[in-house]
Amino acid sequence: MLEDAIRYPWNGERKVETLLIGGVLSLLGVFFIPVLFVFGYLVRVIRAVNDGDTEVPPVFEEWGDLLVEGLVVFLITLVYSLVPLVVIGLAIASFILPASVVTTAAGEPATGIAVGGLLLALVVVVVTVVVSLGVAYLLPAAVAAYAVTGGIGAAFSPGTLRAIGGSQTYAVAWLVAVAIAIGAQVVGGFASATVIGAVLVPLISFYGNVAGAYAIGTAVREVPAVGTVSETRAERSVA
């Protein structure tokens, strides 16, 4: 899977054009709108791979659809990001408590409260790490569920997420995607040491994202529950 994923973005007659467009959009991502097109394209990659088109990546076309689907992915990501943010907020509040000047009626420091607050903070920090990892693991599954079913509700369906996230194939694909993302960052870091290389960093990042989306798409294709829904979507689109 790793080898196929790395090779995938470099397939097709329009590979250079696609990578250049993706790289420029990634570079302009600070303006928000361009990155939505990238998100939409990654959805298209997952959907194409899930439908069996594993040889040639899709091209940038039907820009309106890319923008809409990219916006949906952004909203899905935003909702999932709120969970660890809430937990982190609790952690910060817990750290403030032991640092505050809390005294008893007699004017003596309430040591028990401070210690309790510190312990609570440590617990919340641990929970924050666990929750953040859980979100990082399930978010690609949520995006993939939306990509292959065409329904936003699938991204938040416990049954769908359990089917995808509980799949051994998805777990492997997720690790492959993470490894590719880390590798892209390392390569981009070395490339940024030169002026010419720095220009290529967004392209390298986009290449890694497409390869990661390929890995996720191949995994979701092997999840029976999601695959059935995907076939239904395909039949509706043909009809």
Protein backbone atom coordinates (compact mmCIF):
# COMPACT_ATOMS: atom_id res chain seq x y z
CA MET A 1 0.00 0.00 0.00
CA LEU A 2 2.80 2.42 0.84
CA GLU A 3 4.55 1.94 -2.50
CA ASP A 4 1.32 2.21 -4.49
CA ALA A 5 0.29 5.32 -2.56
CA ILE A 6 3.62 7.06 -3.23
CA ARG A 7 3.46 6.25 -6.93
CA TYR A 8 -0.19 7.18 -7.38
CA PRO A 9 0.13 11.02 -7.71
CA TRP A 10 2.78 10.54 -10.41
CA ASN A 11 0.44 8.67 -12.77
CA GLY A 12 -1.52 9.87 -15.77
CA GLU A 13 -0.82 12.13 -18.71
CA ARG A 14 -1.83 15.27 -16.80
CA LYS A 15 0.15 14.53 -13.65
CA VAL A 16 2.43 17.56 -13.95
CA GLU A 17 -0.51 19.90 -14.55
CA THR A 18 -2.44 18.44 -11.61
CA LEU A 19 0.51 18.63 -9.23
CA LEU A 20 1.32 22.19 -10.25
CA ILE A 21 -2.27 23.32 -9.74
CA GLY A 22 -2.42 21.55 -6.39
CA GLY A 23 0.91 23.04 -5.34
CA VAL A 24 -0.17 26.59 -6.23
CA LEU A 25 -3.48 26.17 -4.41
CA SER A 26 -1.64 24.83 -1.37
CA LEU A 27 0.72 27.80 -1.49
CA LEU A 28 -2.25 30.18 -1.59
CA GLY A 29 -4.02 28.26 1.16
CA VAL A 30 -3.41 31.12 3.61
CA PHE A 31 -6.22 32.93 1.77
CA PHE A 32 -8.60 30.11 2.80
CA ILE A 33 -10.57 29.75 -0.44
CA PRO A 34 -7.75 28.02 -2.40
CA VAL A 35 -7.34 25.36 0.26
CA LEU A 36 -11.03 24.48 -0.09
CA PHE A 37 -10.32 23.42 -3.67
CA VAL A 38 -7.53 21.19 -2.35
CA PHE A 39 -9.90 19.64 0.20
CA GLY A 40 -12.45 19.06 -2.55
CA TYR A 41 -9.82 17.44 -4.74
CA LEU A 42 -8.80 15.06 -1.94
CA VAL A 43 -12.44 14.05 -1.57
CA ARG A 44 -12.47 13.33 -5.28
CA VAL A 45 -9.33 11.19 -4.92
CA ILE A 46 -10.84 9.11 -2.12
CA ARG A 47 -14.06 8.65 -4.08
CA ALA A 48 -12.25 7.67 -7.28
CA VAL A 49 -10.04 5.13 -5.51
CA ASN A 50 -13.01 3.73 -3.62
CA ASP A 51 -14.83 3.29 -6.93
CA GLY A 52 -11.89 1.27 -8.29
CA ASP A 53 -10.11 3.94 -10.32
CA THR A 54 -6.72 3.36 -8.72
CA GLU A 55 -4.43 3.99 -11.67
CA VAL A 56 -4.82 7.64 -12.67
CA PRO A 57 -5.61 10.47 -10.24
CA PRO A 58 -8.53 12.77 -11.06
CA VAL A 59 -7.83 16.16 -12.58
CA PHE A 60 -8.89 19.60 -11.46
CA GLU A 61 -12.22 20.24 -13.16
CA GLU A 62 -15.79 21.09 -12.17
CA TRP A 63 -14.40 23.72 -9.84
CA GLY A 64 -17.77 24.57 -8.36
CA ASP A 65 -18.21 21.05 -7.04
CA LEU A 66 -14.65 21.08 -5.70
CA LEU A 67 -15.36 24.27 -3.77
CA VAL A 68 -18.61 22.96 -2.28
CA GLU A 69 -17.12 19.63 -1.23
CA GLY A 70 -14.04 21.38 0.13
CA LEU A 71 -16.27 23.58 2.26
CA VAL A 72 -18.07 20.51 3.58
CA VAL A 73 -14.72 18.92 4.52
CA PHE A 74 -13.72 22.13 6.28
CA LEU A 75 -16.94 22.11 8.31
CA ILE A 76 -16.49 18.43 9.19
CA THR A 77 -12.93 19.15 10.32
CA LEU A 78 -14.13 22.15 12.33
CA VAL A 79 -16.72 20.09 14.19
CA TYR A 80 -14.24 17.35 15.00
CA SER A 81 -11.69 19.93 16.13
CA LEU A 82 -14.13 21.35 18.67
CA VAL A 83 -13.93 18.18 20.78
CA PRO A 84 -10.24 18.44 21.76
CA LEU A 85 -10.55 22.22 21.97
CA VAL A 86 -13.21 21.85 24.67
CA VAL A 87 -11.03 19.38 26.56
CA ILE A 88 -8.00 21.67 26.22
CA GLY A 89 -10.12 24.50 27.60
CA LEU A 90 -10.91 22.38 30.62
CA ALA A 91 -7.22 21.62 31.02
CA ILE A 92 -6.31 25.30 30.99
CA ALA A 93 -9.03 26.06 33.52
CA SER A 94 -7.72 23.26 35.73
CA PHE A 95 -4.21 24.70 35.63
CA ILE A 96 -5.51 28.13 36.59
CA LEU A 97 -7.20 26.75 39.70
CA PRO A 98 -4.10 25.57 41.59
CA ALA A 99 -2.26 28.70 40.56
CA SER A 100 -4.96 30.93 42.01
CA VAL A 101 -4.85 32.26 45.53
CA VAL A 102 -7.45 30.17 47.29
CA THR A 103 -7.78 30.56 51.04
CA THR A 104 -9.93 29.10 53.76
CA ALA A 105 -12.12 31.08 56.09
CA ALA A 106 -9.18 31.29 58.50
CA GLY A 107 -7.03 32.90 55.85
CA GLU A 108 -4.84 29.85 55.29
CA PRO A 109 -4.17 28.47 51.80
CA ALA A 110 -6.61 25.77 50.73
CA THR A 111 -3.88 23.25 49.89
CA GLY A 112 -6.30 20.40 49.29
CA ILE A 113 -8.15 22.36 46.64
CA ALA A 114 -4.91 23.36 44.91
CA VAL A 115 -3.58 19.80 44.87
CA GLY A 116 -6.93 18.52 43.66
CA GLY A 117 -6.92 21.06 40.87
CA LEU A 118 -3.41 20.03 39.84
CA LEU A 119 -4.37 16.36 39.74
CA LEU A 120 -7.46 17.22 37.74
CA ALA A 121 -5.30 19.19 35.31
CA LEU A 122 -2.99 16.22 34.80
CA VAL A 123 -5.96 13.95 34.17
CA VAL A 124 -7.44 16.39 31.67
CA VAL A 125 -4.10 16.70 29.87
CA VAL A 126 -3.93 12.92 29.47
CA VAL A 127 -7.54 12.87 28.27
CA THR A 128 -6.73 15.70 25.85
CA VAL A 129 -3.90 13.71 24.29
CA VAL A 130 -6.07 10.61 23.98
CA VAL A 131 -9.01 12.55 22.53
CA SER A 132 -6.75 14.40 20.09
CA LEU A 133 -5.29 11.13 18.84
CA GLY A 134 -8.80 9.72 18.53
CA VAL A 135 -9.90 12.72 16.47
CA ALA A 136 -6.79 12.47 14.29
CA TYR A 137 -7.61 8.80 13.69
CA LEU A 138 -11.32 9.22 12.99
CA LEU A 139 -11.26 12.46 10.99
CA PRO A 140 -9.94 10.83 7.76
CA ALA A 141 -12.57 8.12 8.24
CA ALA A 142 -15.26 10.79 8.56
CA VAL A 143 -14.08 12.57 5.41
CA ALA A 144 -13.91 9.25 3.57
CA ALA A 145 -17.42 8.35 4.71
CA TYR A 146 -18.68 11.63 3.28
CA ALA A 147 -16.68 11.13 0.08
CA VAL A 148 -17.99 7.66 -0.72
CA THR A 149 -21.60 8.13 0.42
CA GLY A 150 -22.15 11.75 -0.58
CA GLY A 151 -23.94 12.37 2.72
CA ILE A 152 -22.66 14.71 5.42
CA GLY A 153 -24.45 12.64 8.05
CA ALA A 154 -22.18 9.68 7.29
CA ALA A 155 -19.24 11.68 8.65
CA PHE A 156 -20.87 11.67 12.08
CA SER A 157 -22.58 8.28 11.98
CA PRO A 158 -21.31 6.11 14.88
CA GLY A 159 -22.03 2.94 12.92
CA THR A 160 -20.17 4.10 9.83
CA LEU A 161 -17.22 5.42 11.81
CA ARG A 162 -17.08 2.20 13.81
CA ALA A 163 -17.11 0.13 10.61
CA ILE A 164 -14.29 2.16 9.06
CA GLY A 165 -12.23 2.92 12.15
CA GLY A 166 -12.51 -0.63 13.43
CA SER A 167 -11.17 -2.06 10.18
CA GLN A 168 -7.62 -3.40 10.33
CA THR A 169 -7.11 -2.26 6.75
CA TYR A 170 -8.06 1.30 7.68
CA ALA A 171 -5.68 1.22 10.65
CA VAL A 172 -2.85 0.23 8.31
CA ALA A 173 -3.90 2.84 5.75
CA TRP A 174 -3.99 5.52 8.45
CA LEU A 175 -0.46 4.64 9.53
CA VAL A 176 0.64 4.73 5.88
CA ALA A 177 -0.94 8.17 5.45
CA VAL A 178 0.75 9.44 8.62
CA ALA A 179 4.11 8.05 7.48
CA ILE A 180 3.70 9.74 4.09
CA ALA A 181 2.75 13.04 5.74
CA ILE A 182 5.82 12.88 7.98
CA GLY A 183 8.00 11.95 5.03
CA ALA A 184 6.63 14.89 3.02
CA GLN A 185 7.42 17.24 5.89
CA VAL A 186 10.96 15.91 6.15
CA VAL A 187 11.54 16.21 2.41
CA GLY A 188 9.99 19.67 2.45
CA GLY A 189 12.25 20.65 5.32
CA PHE A 190 15.35 19.67 3.39
CA ALA A 191 14.02 21.31 0.23
CA SER A 192 13.37 24.60 2.02
CA ALA A 193 17.12 24.95 2.64
CA THR A 194 17.44 26.33 -0.89
CA VAL A 195 15.43 29.04 -2.64
CA ILE A 196 14.34 26.74 -5.46
CA GLY A 197 13.51 23.96 -3.02
CA ALA A 198 11.40 26.30 -0.89
CA VAL A 199 9.20 26.95 -3.92
CA LEU A 200 8.60 23.22 -4.21
CA VAL A 201 7.46 22.76 -0.59
CA PRO A 202 3.72 23.33 -1.29
CA LEU A 203 3.92 20.90 -4.21
CA ILE A 204 5.59 18.29 -1.99
CA SER A 205 2.92 18.80 0.64
CA PHE A 206 0.15 18.40 -1.93
CA TYR A 207 1.82 15.27 -3.33
CA GLY A 208 1.88 13.75 0.17
CA ASN A 209 -1.78 14.63 0.78
CA VAL A 210 -2.85 12.95 -2.46
CA ALA A 211 -0.83 9.84 -1.63
CA GLY A 212 -2.39 9.74 1.83
CA ALA A 213 -5.88 10.14 0.36
CA TYR A 214 -5.15 7.20 -1.94
CA ALA A 215 -4.26 5.02 1.05
CA ILE A 216 -7.47 5.98 2.87
CA GLY A 217 -9.54 5.37 -0.26
CA THR A 218 -8.18 1.87 -0.75
CA ALA A 219 -8.97 1.00 2.86
CA VAL A 220 -12.54 2.31 2.80
CA ARG A 221 -13.18 0.33 -0.38
CA GLU A 222 -12.73 -2.87 1.64
CA VAL A 223 -15.24 -1.91 4.34
CA PRO A 224 -18.45 -3.80 3.37
CA ALA A 225 -20.94 -1.45 5.03
CA VAL A 226 -19.50 1.63 3.38
CA GLY A 227 -18.91 -0.12 0.08
CA THR A 228 -22.60 -1.02 -0.15
CA VAL A 229 -23.60 2.59 0.36
CA SER A 230 -21.01 3.66 -2.20
CA GLU A 231 -22.50 1.30 -4.81
CA THR A 232 -25.94 2.73 -4.09
CA ARG A 233 -24.60 6.26 -4.63
CA ALA A 234 -23.02 5.21 -7.92
CA GLU A 235 -26.29 3.64 -9.10
CA ARG A 236 -28.20 6.82 -8.24
CA SER A 237 -25.71 8.97 -10.15
CA VAL A 238 -25.99 6.74 -13.24
CA ALA A 239 -29.78 6.80 -13.06
